[in-house]
Amino acid sequence: MNIHLIAIGGSAMHNMALALHHKGYHISGSDDAIFSPSKERLEKHHLIPEKMGWFPEKITPDLDAIILGMHARIDNPELKRAKELNIPIFSYPEYIYEQSKNKKRIVIGGSHGKTSITAMILHVLQNLKIDCDYMVGAQLEGFDTMVKLTHNAPIIILEGDEYLSSPIDRRPKFHLYKPHIAVLSGIAWDHINVFPSFDMYLDQFRIFKNMVKDTLIYCTEDEHLEILSKEETNCQLIPYATPNHSIENGITTMENTELIIFGNHNLQNLNAAKLVCKELGVSKEDFIHQISTFKGASMRLELVKKTNTSSIYKDFAHSPSKLKATSSAMTKQFTNRKLVACMELHTFSSLNEEFLQQYKGCMDEPDTAIVYFSPKAIAHKKLEPITTQQVHTAFNREDLLVFTDAEVLEKHLKTLNWENQNLLMMSSGTFEGMEFKDLDLQNSQ
């Protein structure tokens, strides 16, 4: 098979290229810019384009398929040439389905927790040597790529994102996978640039629920899922919630087993993963034994560094519900320490003046609450500017600290006394490339 990827350098797309290369396909691709780590990973397997840019002459009749990445524009010259030659064009999720239509498909959906649940399932299956293909939204420890596609694996585990499929396919990605088994972890309005009302966003999950062939596993602690679960459905419904557990000396224990992960959301995710694994024939005892060594997915309540009296964690949290849940998890896990929680407004939704109002009260629990946003990022996304006063008003916390310069924020963090105090950095971005591991956790300087 000869496959060409337009916008091969994206996080998802370059992993697709590697997976198909490992499967034995002949892979080519183009992009206008490729950054680390995609650049090095493509170079290692000789898949990096010789020149950056778009070259219609690369699109020839001997290509079996084109995979179109989200980064490509609708007027891309390679895309135009592919249409002229009537070469089959797939979005990323369409081609995932194409590769898995003869396998049992397990799709993990929800506004939050998708990556963690998928990672937990893969951790257990890998440790038990159960063969499966997969697609997950983060690089996982012990896995070479974020995508694996083989000829022989009988099942595939898919993280089901509700964002759009491609520039020419406006369907949510998870609508294309047609799951046999599915999980819905929770629904909290996101992607306001695509779904301008909550009802429109909610409808995407309703459509997904009605596509499930056999079994839907859903969180009963989410009010919107409880409503959807009462609507007519053709599949079996299996509910789950936060499991019984205890916390002592900063360690969470469940089923007489100590866990590395913590927090109610992570424990809910664990329960969802356990139910999926049960559907795949894994016993409860085997699951608990294997999940005890799970450290978490990258950027999901991930420990960056620690001393005897302080720790730095980073988390992908950016939606109001996730900020609240992640902050709560930290305060409950470390009852003898104060918490400094810092979040970055980075997504299109979070930088929207109207959506900002959704953040009211979500940063009330930490002892110190900090919000950072970059005016340059707002300009780059071509959004209306927001002010520090608008942020103060939206979060509705009188002592909220707001920064618009990452260097000033970093200097402020370095002046704090970290004796019995933790730092939680939350963002889907990078705080302008701030290196959290370089922050000094010693006492005030």
Protein backbone atom coordinates (compact mmCIF):
# COMPACT_ATOMS: atom_id res chain seq x y z
CA MET A 1 0.00 0.00 0.00
CA ASN A 2 1.25 3.48 -0.93
CA ILE A 3 -0.07 6.10 1.49
CA HIS A 4 0.60 9.85 1.47
CA LEU A 5 -0.05 11.98 4.57
CA ILE A 6 -0.80 15.67 4.06
CA ALA A 7 0.41 17.46 7.24
CA ILE A 8 2.51 14.49 8.35
CA GLY A 9 4.21 16.38 11.18
CA GLY A 10 1.26 16.68 13.55
CA SER A 11 1.25 14.83 16.86
CA ALA A 12 -1.40 12.36 15.71
CA MET A 13 -0.40 12.27 12.04
CA HIS A 14 3.26 11.41 12.53
CA ASN A 15 2.25 8.57 14.85
CA MET A 16 -0.10 7.30 12.13
CA ALA A 17 2.80 7.47 9.66
CA LEU A 18 5.01 5.43 12.00
CA ALA A 19 2.27 2.86 12.65
CA LEU A 20 1.63 2.29 8.94
CA HIS A 21 5.37 2.16 8.26
CA HIS A 22 5.72 -0.55 10.92
CA LYS A 23 2.85 -2.40 9.25
CA GLY A 24 4.85 -2.55 6.04
CA TYR A 25 3.16 0.21 4.04
CA HIS A 26 5.12 2.62 1.85
CA ILE A 27 4.69 6.06 3.43
CA SER A 28 5.27 9.56 2.05
CA GLY A 29 4.20 12.91 3.42
CA SER A 30 4.35 16.69 3.33
CA ASP A 31 4.12 19.58 5.77
CA ASP A 32 4.99 23.27 5.92
CA ALA A 33 6.76 22.92 9.30
CA ILE A 34 7.68 19.96 11.51
CA PHE A 35 8.83 20.40 15.11
CA SER A 36 10.24 18.18 17.85
CA PRO A 37 9.59 15.42 18.75
CA SER A 38 7.79 14.62 15.47
CA LYS A 39 10.84 15.71 13.46
CA GLU A 40 13.29 13.34 15.15
CA ARG A 41 10.88 10.40 15.20
CA LEU A 42 10.13 10.73 11.47
CA GLU A 43 13.85 11.16 10.70
CA LYS A 44 14.69 7.95 12.58
CA HIS A 45 12.53 5.96 10.15
CA HIS A 46 13.45 8.03 7.05
CA LEU A 47 9.91 9.40 6.75
CA ILE A 48 10.76 13.11 7.03
CA PRO A 49 9.96 15.12 3.84
CA GLU A 50 13.08 16.30 1.97
CA LYS A 51 11.70 19.85 1.80
CA MET A 52 9.06 21.70 3.77
CA GLY A 53 6.01 22.83 1.82
CA TRP A 54 3.27 21.44 -0.38
CA PHE A 55 4.17 19.74 -3.65
CA PRO A 56 1.30 18.63 -5.93
CA GLU A 57 3.77 16.58 -7.98
CA LYS A 58 4.02 14.18 -5.01
CA ILE A 59 0.39 13.20 -5.64
CA THR A 60 0.51 10.53 -8.33
CA PRO A 61 -1.95 7.87 -9.56
CA ASP A 62 0.01 5.06 -7.87
CA LEU A 63 -1.08 6.29 -4.43
CA ASP A 64 -3.69 4.06 -2.79
CA ALA A 65 -4.89 6.68 -0.29
CA ILE A 66 -4.39 10.18 1.07
CA ILE A 67 -4.70 10.87 4.81
CA LEU A 68 -5.55 14.52 5.49
CA GLY A 69 -4.42 16.09 8.77
CA MET A 70 -6.27 18.87 10.61
CA HIS A 71 -3.35 21.24 10.08
CA ALA A 72 -3.86 21.27 6.31
CA ARG A 73 -5.99 24.02 4.84
CA ILE A 74 -9.03 23.32 2.69
CA ASP A 75 -7.25 24.89 -0.34
CA ASN A 76 -4.10 22.76 0.08
CA PRO A 77 -2.58 22.21 -3.41
CA GLU A 78 -1.82 18.52 -2.69
CA LEU A 79 -5.42 17.98 -1.60
CA LYS A 80 -6.64 19.69 -4.79
CA ARG A 81 -4.44 17.41 -6.91
CA ALA A 82 -5.65 14.29 -5.08
CA LYS A 83 -9.26 15.26 -5.86
CA GLU A 84 -8.39 15.76 -9.52
CA LEU A 85 -6.90 12.25 -9.69
CA ASN A 86 -9.81 10.72 -7.72
CA ILE A 87 -7.44 9.24 -5.14
CA PRO A 88 -9.36 8.12 -2.01
CA ILE A 89 -9.03 10.80 0.69
CA PHE A 90 -9.44 9.89 4.35
CA SER A 91 -9.44 11.94 7.50
CA TYR A 92 -7.30 10.60 10.34
CA PRO A 93 -10.26 8.94 12.14
CA GLU A 94 -11.70 7.63 8.87
CA TYR A 95 -8.46 5.80 8.16
CA ILE A 96 -8.32 4.46 11.71
CA TYR A 97 -11.74 2.92 11.06
CA GLU A 98 -10.62 1.66 7.66
CA GLN A 99 -7.77 -0.16 9.40
CA SER A 100 -9.97 -1.58 12.16
CA LYS A 101 -13.33 -2.36 10.53
CA ASN A 102 -12.73 -6.11 10.95
CA LYS A 103 -11.65 -5.80 14.60
CA LYS A 104 -13.60 -5.40 17.85
CA ARG A 105 -13.55 -1.65 18.50
CA ILE A 106 -13.48 -0.19 22.02
CA VAL A 107 -13.86 3.61 22.03
CA ILE A 108 -13.23 5.81 25.07
CA GLY A 109 -15.16 9.10 24.90
CA GLY A 110 -15.97 11.99 27.20
CA SER A 111 -14.89 15.58 27.79
CA HIS A 112 -12.23 14.47 30.25
CA GLY A 113 -10.45 11.28 31.26
CA LYS A 114 -10.26 9.77 27.75
CA THR A 115 -6.49 9.52 27.63
CA SER A 116 -6.18 8.22 31.19
CA ILE A 117 -8.81 5.49 30.74
CA THR A 118 -7.28 4.42 27.42
CA ALA A 119 -3.82 4.39 28.97
CA MET A 120 -5.01 2.28 31.93
CA ILE A 121 -6.59 -0.31 29.63
CA LEU A 122 -3.45 -0.50 27.48
CA HIS A 123 -1.21 -0.81 30.56
CA VAL A 124 -3.19 -3.79 31.83
CA LEU A 125 -3.53 -5.51 28.44
CA GLN A 126 0.16 -5.08 27.66
CA ASN A 127 1.21 -6.49 31.05
CA LEU A 128 -1.11 -9.47 30.53
CA LYS A 129 0.24 -9.92 26.98
CA ILE A 130 -3.21 -9.50 25.39
CA ASP A 131 -2.67 -8.42 21.78
CA CYS A 132 -4.45 -5.25 20.68
CA ASP A 133 -4.11 -2.32 18.34
CA TYR A 134 -4.66 1.17 19.72
CA MET A 135 -4.75 4.92 19.28
CA VAL A 136 -4.20 7.17 22.30
CA GLY A 137 -3.73 10.92 22.67
CA ALA A 138 -0.47 10.93 24.65
CA GLN A 139 2.89 9.22 24.58
CA LEU A 140 2.72 6.39 27.12
CA GLU A 141 5.56 4.84 29.06
CA GLY A 142 6.41 1.44 27.58
CA PHE A 143 4.81 2.20 24.19
CA ASP A 144 6.84 3.27 21.14
CA THR A 145 4.05 5.11 19.37
CA MET A 146 0.64 6.61 20.10
CA VAL A 147 -0.85 4.47 17.31
CA LYS A 148 -0.51 0.76 16.61
CA LEU A 149 -2.13 -0.87 13.59
CA THR A 150 -1.42 -4.51 12.75
CA HIS A 151 -2.85 -7.23 10.55
CA ASN A 152 -3.54 -9.73 13.34
CA ALA A 153 -4.66 -8.00 16.57
CA PRO A 154 -8.35 -8.90 17.11
CA ILE A 155 -9.26 -5.75 19.08
CA ILE A 156 -8.43 -2.04 18.98
CA ILE A 157 -8.63 0.48 21.83
CA LEU A 158 -9.41 4.00 20.57
CA GLU A 159 -9.44 7.33 22.36
CA GLY A 160 -12.56 8.99 20.98
CA ASP A 161 -12.09 12.74 20.58
CA GLU A 162 -15.17 14.86 19.91
CA TYR A 163 -13.25 17.45 17.87
CA LEU A 164 -13.62 17.73 14.08
CA SER A 165 -12.15 15.08 11.80
CA SER A 166 -10.46 17.17 9.08
CA PRO A 167 -10.71 20.48 7.21
CA ILE A 168 -13.15 18.84 4.76
CA ASP A 169 -14.95 16.57 7.24
CA ARG A 170 -16.77 18.46 10.01
CA ARG A 171 -17.94 15.35 11.86
CA PRO A 172 -16.54 14.71 15.36
CA LYS A 173 -13.80 12.09 15.26
CA PHE A 174 -15.57 9.66 17.59
CA HIS A 175 -18.60 9.50 15.30
CA LEU A 176 -16.51 7.58 12.77
CA TYR A 177 -15.37 4.62 14.86
CA LYS A 178 -18.65 2.63 15.24
CA PRO A 179 -17.75 1.06 18.61
CA HIS A 180 -18.75 -2.35 19.88
CA ILE A 181 -17.87 -1.27 23.43
CA ALA A 182 -17.75 2.37 24.48
CA VAL A 183 -17.07 4.50 27.55
CA LEU A 184 -18.42 7.96 28.30
CA SER A 185 -16.58 9.52 31.24
CA GLY A 186 -18.40 12.84 31.52
CA ILE A 187 -19.64 15.84 29.57
CA ALA A 188 -18.39 19.38 30.18
CA TRP A 189 -18.82 21.97 27.44
CA ASP A 190 -15.67 22.46 25.35
CA HIS A 191 -14.64 23.50 21.82
CA ILE A 192 -16.87 26.56 21.81
CA ASN A 193 -15.37 27.57 18.45
CA VAL A 194 -17.00 24.48 16.91
CA PHE A 195 -19.99 23.90 19.21
CA PRO A 196 -21.20 27.41 20.15
CA SER A 197 -23.92 26.14 22.49
CA PHE A 198 -23.90 23.44 25.16
CA ASP A 199 -26.93 21.75 23.59
CA MET A 200 -25.06 21.39 20.31
CA TYR A 201 -22.07 19.94 22.18
CA LEU A 202 -24.31 17.55 24.14
CA ASP A 203 -25.90 16.30 20.91
CA GLN A 204 -22.53 14.97 19.73
CA PHE A 205 -22.45 12.58 22.69
CA ARG A 206 -26.07 11.59 22.13
CA ILE A 207 -25.23 10.68 18.53
CA PHE A 208 -22.18 8.72 19.72
CA LYS A 209 -24.23 6.84 22.31
CA ASN A 210 -26.68 5.74 19.64
CA MET A 211 -23.82 4.35 17.51
CA VAL A 212 -22.64 1.86 20.15
CA LYS A 213 -23.32 -1.69 18.98
CA ASP A 214 -23.05 -3.75 22.19
CA THR A 215 -22.13 -2.08 25.50
CA LEU A 216 -21.90 1.49 26.82
CA ILE A 217 -20.06 2.04 30.11
CA TYR A 218 -20.88 5.44 31.62
CA CYS A 219 -20.20 7.50 34.74
CA THR A 220 -23.28 7.93 36.92
CA GLU A 221 -21.69 10.89 38.74
CA ASP A 222 -22.12 13.03 35.63
CA GLU A 223 -25.58 14.60 35.51
CA HIS A 224 -25.63 14.87 31.73
CA LEU A 225 -24.76 11.21 31.25
CA GLU A 226 -27.48 10.27 33.71
CA ILE A 227 -29.95 12.12 31.49
CA LEU A 228 -28.65 10.47 28.31
CA SER A 229 -28.74 7.04 29.96
CA LYS A 230 -32.51 7.38 30.44
CA GLU A 231 -33.09 7.98 26.74
CA GLU A 232 -33.89 5.05 24.46
CA THR A 233 -30.88 2.97 23.47
CA ASN A 234 -30.21 -0.33 21.70
CA CYS A 235 -27.08 -1.29 23.64
CA GLN A 236 -26.42 -2.62 27.13
CA LEU A 237 -25.71 0.10 29.72
CA ILE A 238 -23.17 -0.44 32.52
CA PRO A 239 -22.84 2.36 35.10
CA TYR A 240 -19.79 3.19 37.20
CA ALA A 241 -18.80 5.71 39.87
CA THR A 242 -15.94 6.52 42.25
CA PRO A 243 -14.90 3.24 43.92
CA ASN A 244 -14.44 2.83 47.67
CA HIS A 245 -10.93 3.80 48.68
CA SER A 246 -8.87 5.28 51.49
CA ILE A 247 -6.08 7.86 51.67
CA GLU A 248 -3.38 7.63 54.32
CA ASN A 249 -0.01 9.39 54.44
CA GLY A 250 -0.45 10.60 50.86
CA ILE A 251 -1.16 7.12 49.45
CA THR A 252 -4.48 5.97 47.98
CA THR A 253 -5.51 2.36 48.62
CA MET A 254 -8.30 0.43 46.88
CA GLU A 255 -9.19 -3.28 47.19
CA ASN A 256 -6.32 -3.59 49.73
CA THR A 257 -3.92 -2.47 47.01
CA GLU A 258 -1.81 0.70 47.06
CA LEU A 259 -2.09 2.86 43.93
CA ILE A 260 0.32 5.35 42.41
CA ILE A 261 -2.51 7.44 40.94
CA PHE A 262 -4.96 9.42 43.07
CA GLY A 263 -7.99 11.70 42.94
CA ASN A 264 -11.68 10.94 42.39
CA HIS A 265 -11.48 11.48 38.62
CA ASN A 266 -8.56 9.07 38.32
CA LEU A 267 -10.41 6.52 40.44
CA GLN A 268 -13.51 6.90 38.28
CA ASN A 269 -11.27 6.39 35.24
CA LEU A 270 -9.86 3.27 36.89
CA ASN A 271 -13.37 1.87 37.37
CA ALA A 272 -14.20 2.51 33.72
CA ALA A 273 -10.99 0.77 32.62
CA LYS A 274 -11.76 -2.17 34.91
CA LEU A 275 -15.20 -2.62 33.33
CA VAL A 276 -13.76 -2.50 29.81
CA CYS A 277 -11.12 -5.06 30.73
CA LYS A 278 -13.83 -7.26 32.25
CA GLU A 279 -15.67 -7.15 28.91
CA LEU A 280 -12.40 -8.30 27.31
CA GLY A 281 -12.08 -11.25 29.68
CA VAL A 282 -9.71 -9.82 32.31
CA SER A 283 -10.48 -10.87 35.91
CA LYS A 284 -10.86 -8.25 38.66
CA GLU A 285 -7.86 -9.70 40.49
CA ASP A 286 -5.61 -9.49 37.43
CA PHE A 287 -6.78 -5.95 36.72
CA ILE A 288 -6.13 -4.67 40.26
CA HIS A 289 -2.71 -6.32 40.37
CA GLN A 290 -1.64 -4.72 37.09
CA ILE A 291 -3.20 -1.28 37.66
CA SER A 292 -1.23 -0.91 40.91
CA THR A 293 1.88 -0.17 38.81
CA PHE A 294 0.18 2.39 36.56
CA LYS A 295 1.89 5.79 36.93
CA GLY A 296 -0.54 7.81 34.83
CA ALA A 297 -0.51 9.14 31.29
CA SER A 298 1.77 11.99 30.33
CA MET A 299 0.52 15.36 31.63
CA ARG A 300 -2.32 13.74 33.60
CA LEU A 301 -1.58 14.59 37.25
CA GLU A 302 2.03 13.78 36.42
CA LEU A 303 4.67 14.15 39.13
CA VAL A 304 7.45 16.44 37.86
CA LYS A 305 9.72 16.54 40.93
CA LYS A 306 9.52 16.32 44.70
CA THR A 307 11.34 16.86 47.97
CA ASN A 308 10.46 15.64 51.44
CA THR A 309 8.08 18.56 51.95
CA SER A 310 6.90 19.60 48.50
CA SER A 311 5.98 18.32 45.03
CA ILE A 312 5.30 19.74 41.58
CA TYR A 313 2.56 18.12 39.49
CA LYS A 314 1.45 19.04 35.99
CA ASP A 315 -1.93 18.26 34.47
CA PHE A 316 -3.64 18.70 31.10
CA ALA A 317 -6.62 20.29 32.91
CA HIS A 318 -8.06 23.36 31.22
CA SER A 319 -11.87 23.06 31.41
CA PRO A 320 -13.62 24.43 34.53
CA SER A 321 -14.75 21.01 35.78
CA LYS A 322 -11.28 19.51 35.36
CA LEU A 323 -9.56 22.41 37.15
CA LYS A 324 -11.90 21.90 40.09
CA ALA A 325 -11.46 18.12 40.14
CA THR A 326 -7.67 18.20 39.83
CA SER A 327 -7.26 20.84 42.54
CA SER A 328 -9.56 18.86 44.82
CA ALA A 329 -7.55 15.68 44.21
CA MET A 330 -4.35 17.43 45.28
CA THR A 331 -5.81 18.90 48.47
CA LYS A 332 -7.34 15.57 49.53
CA GLN A 333 -4.19 13.59 48.77
CA PHE A 334 -1.85 15.97 50.65
CA THR A 335 -3.88 17.18 53.62
CA ASN A 336 -0.82 18.40 55.51
CA ARG A 337 0.37 20.66 52.68
CA LYS A 338 -0.91 23.88 51.18
CA LEU A 339 -1.57 24.05 47.45
CA VAL A 340 -0.52 26.65 44.89
CA ALA A 341 -2.57 25.97 41.74
CA CYS A 342 -1.65 27.72 38.52
CA MET A 343 -3.63 27.36 35.29
CA GLU A 344 -3.07 28.69 31.78
CA LEU A 345 -5.92 29.98 29.63
CA HIS A 346 -4.79 28.48 26.33
CA THR A 347 -7.66 26.89 24.36
CA PHE A 348 -10.01 28.75 22.03
CA SER A 349 -12.82 28.19 24.51
CA SER A 350 -10.94 29.42 27.59
CA LEU A 351 -9.79 32.59 25.82
CA ASN A 352 -13.34 33.46 24.74
CA GLU A 353 -14.87 36.27 26.82
CA GLU A 354 -18.30 34.58 26.91
CA PHE A 355 -16.93 31.14 27.87
CA LEU A 356 -14.73 32.68 30.60
CA GLN A 357 -17.84 32.98 32.76
CA GLN A 358 -17.89 29.16 33.05
CA TYR A 359 -14.79 29.37 35.30
CA LYS A 360 -16.61 30.94 38.25
CA GLY A 361 -15.60 29.17 41.48
CA CYS A 362 -13.45 26.50 39.83
CA MET A 363 -10.25 27.72 41.52
CA ASP A 364 -11.67 28.31 45.01
CA GLU A 365 -10.15 25.27 46.73
CA PRO A 366 -6.38 25.90 46.38
CA ASP A 367 -4.71 28.04 49.05
CA THR A 368 -3.19 30.18 46.30
CA ALA A 369 -4.79 30.46 42.86
CA ILE A 370 -2.96 31.79 39.80
CA VAL A 371 -4.18 32.28 36.22
CA TYR A 372 -1.83 32.96 33.33
CA PHE A 373 -2.65 33.92 29.75
CA SER A 374 -0.55 35.17 26.84
CA PRO A 375 -1.82 38.17 24.87
CA LYS A 376 0.42 36.95 22.03
CA ALA A 377 -1.41 33.61 21.97
CA ILE A 378 -4.74 35.42 21.81
CA ALA A 379 -3.52 37.49 18.84
CA HIS A 380 -2.15 34.37 17.15
CA LYS A 381 -5.54 32.65 17.48
CA LYS A 382 -7.15 35.82 16.08
CA LEU A 383 -9.44 36.19 19.10
CA GLU A 384 -10.73 39.33 20.77
CA PRO A 385 -8.33 40.49 23.53
CA ILE A 386 -9.25 39.84 27.17
CA THR A 387 -8.08 41.79 30.20
CA THR A 388 -6.79 40.76 33.62
CA GLN A 389 -9.91 42.37 35.10
CA GLN A 390 -12.17 40.18 32.97
CA VAL A 391 -10.29 37.12 34.26
CA HIS A 392 -10.62 38.32 37.87
CA THR A 393 -14.34 38.84 37.42
CA ALA A 394 -14.88 35.50 35.68
CA PHE A 395 -13.08 33.38 38.31
CA ASN A 396 -14.78 35.36 41.10
CA ARG A 397 -11.92 34.97 43.60
CA GLU A 398 -10.77 38.18 45.26
CA ASP A 399 -7.15 37.11 45.89
CA LEU A 400 -6.67 35.52 42.45
CA LEU A 401 -3.27 36.32 40.93
CA VAL A 402 -3.25 36.95 37.17
CA PHE A 403 -0.09 37.02 35.05
CA THR A 404 0.38 37.79 31.34
CA ASP A 405 4.17 37.30 31.22
CA ALA A 406 5.54 33.78 31.71
CA GLU A 407 8.96 35.02 32.88
CA VAL A 408 7.37 37.19 35.57
CA LEU A 409 5.20 34.23 36.65
CA GLU A 410 8.25 31.97 36.89
CA LYS A 411 10.14 34.53 38.97
CA HIS A 412 7.14 34.83 41.31
CA LEU A 413 6.96 31.05 41.79
CA LYS A 414 10.67 30.99 42.68
CA THR A 415 10.12 33.50 45.49
CA LEU A 416 7.54 31.35 47.31
CA ASN A 417 8.24 29.29 50.42
CA TRP A 418 7.74 25.64 49.43
CA GLU A 419 7.95 24.20 52.93
CA ASN A 420 4.87 21.92 53.17
CA GLN A 421 3.40 23.43 50.02
CA ASN A 422 2.77 21.79 46.61
CA LEU A 423 2.61 23.32 43.14
CA LEU A 424 0.04 22.25 40.53
CA MET A 425 0.52 23.52 36.96
CA MET A 426 -2.54 23.01 34.73
CA SER A 427 -2.73 23.64 31.00
CA SER A 428 -3.16 22.12 27.55
CA GLY A 429 -0.27 24.40 26.60
CA THR A 430 3.24 24.90 27.97
CA PHE A 431 3.20 28.24 29.85
CA GLU A 432 5.39 29.54 26.99
CA GLY A 433 7.83 26.64 27.37
CA MET A 434 8.38 26.99 31.12
CA GLU A 435 10.51 24.11 32.49
CA PHE A 436 8.68 23.08 35.67
CA LYS A 437 11.49 20.72 36.70
CA ASP A 438 13.84 23.74 36.96
CA LEU A 439 11.67 25.42 39.59
CA ASP A 440 13.40 25.39 42.97
CA LEU A 441 11.39 23.71 45.72
CA GLN A 442 13.67 24.87 48.49
CA ASN A 443 12.51 27.36 51.10
CA SER A 444 11.95 31.00 50.26
CA GLN A 445 15.04 32.65 48.85
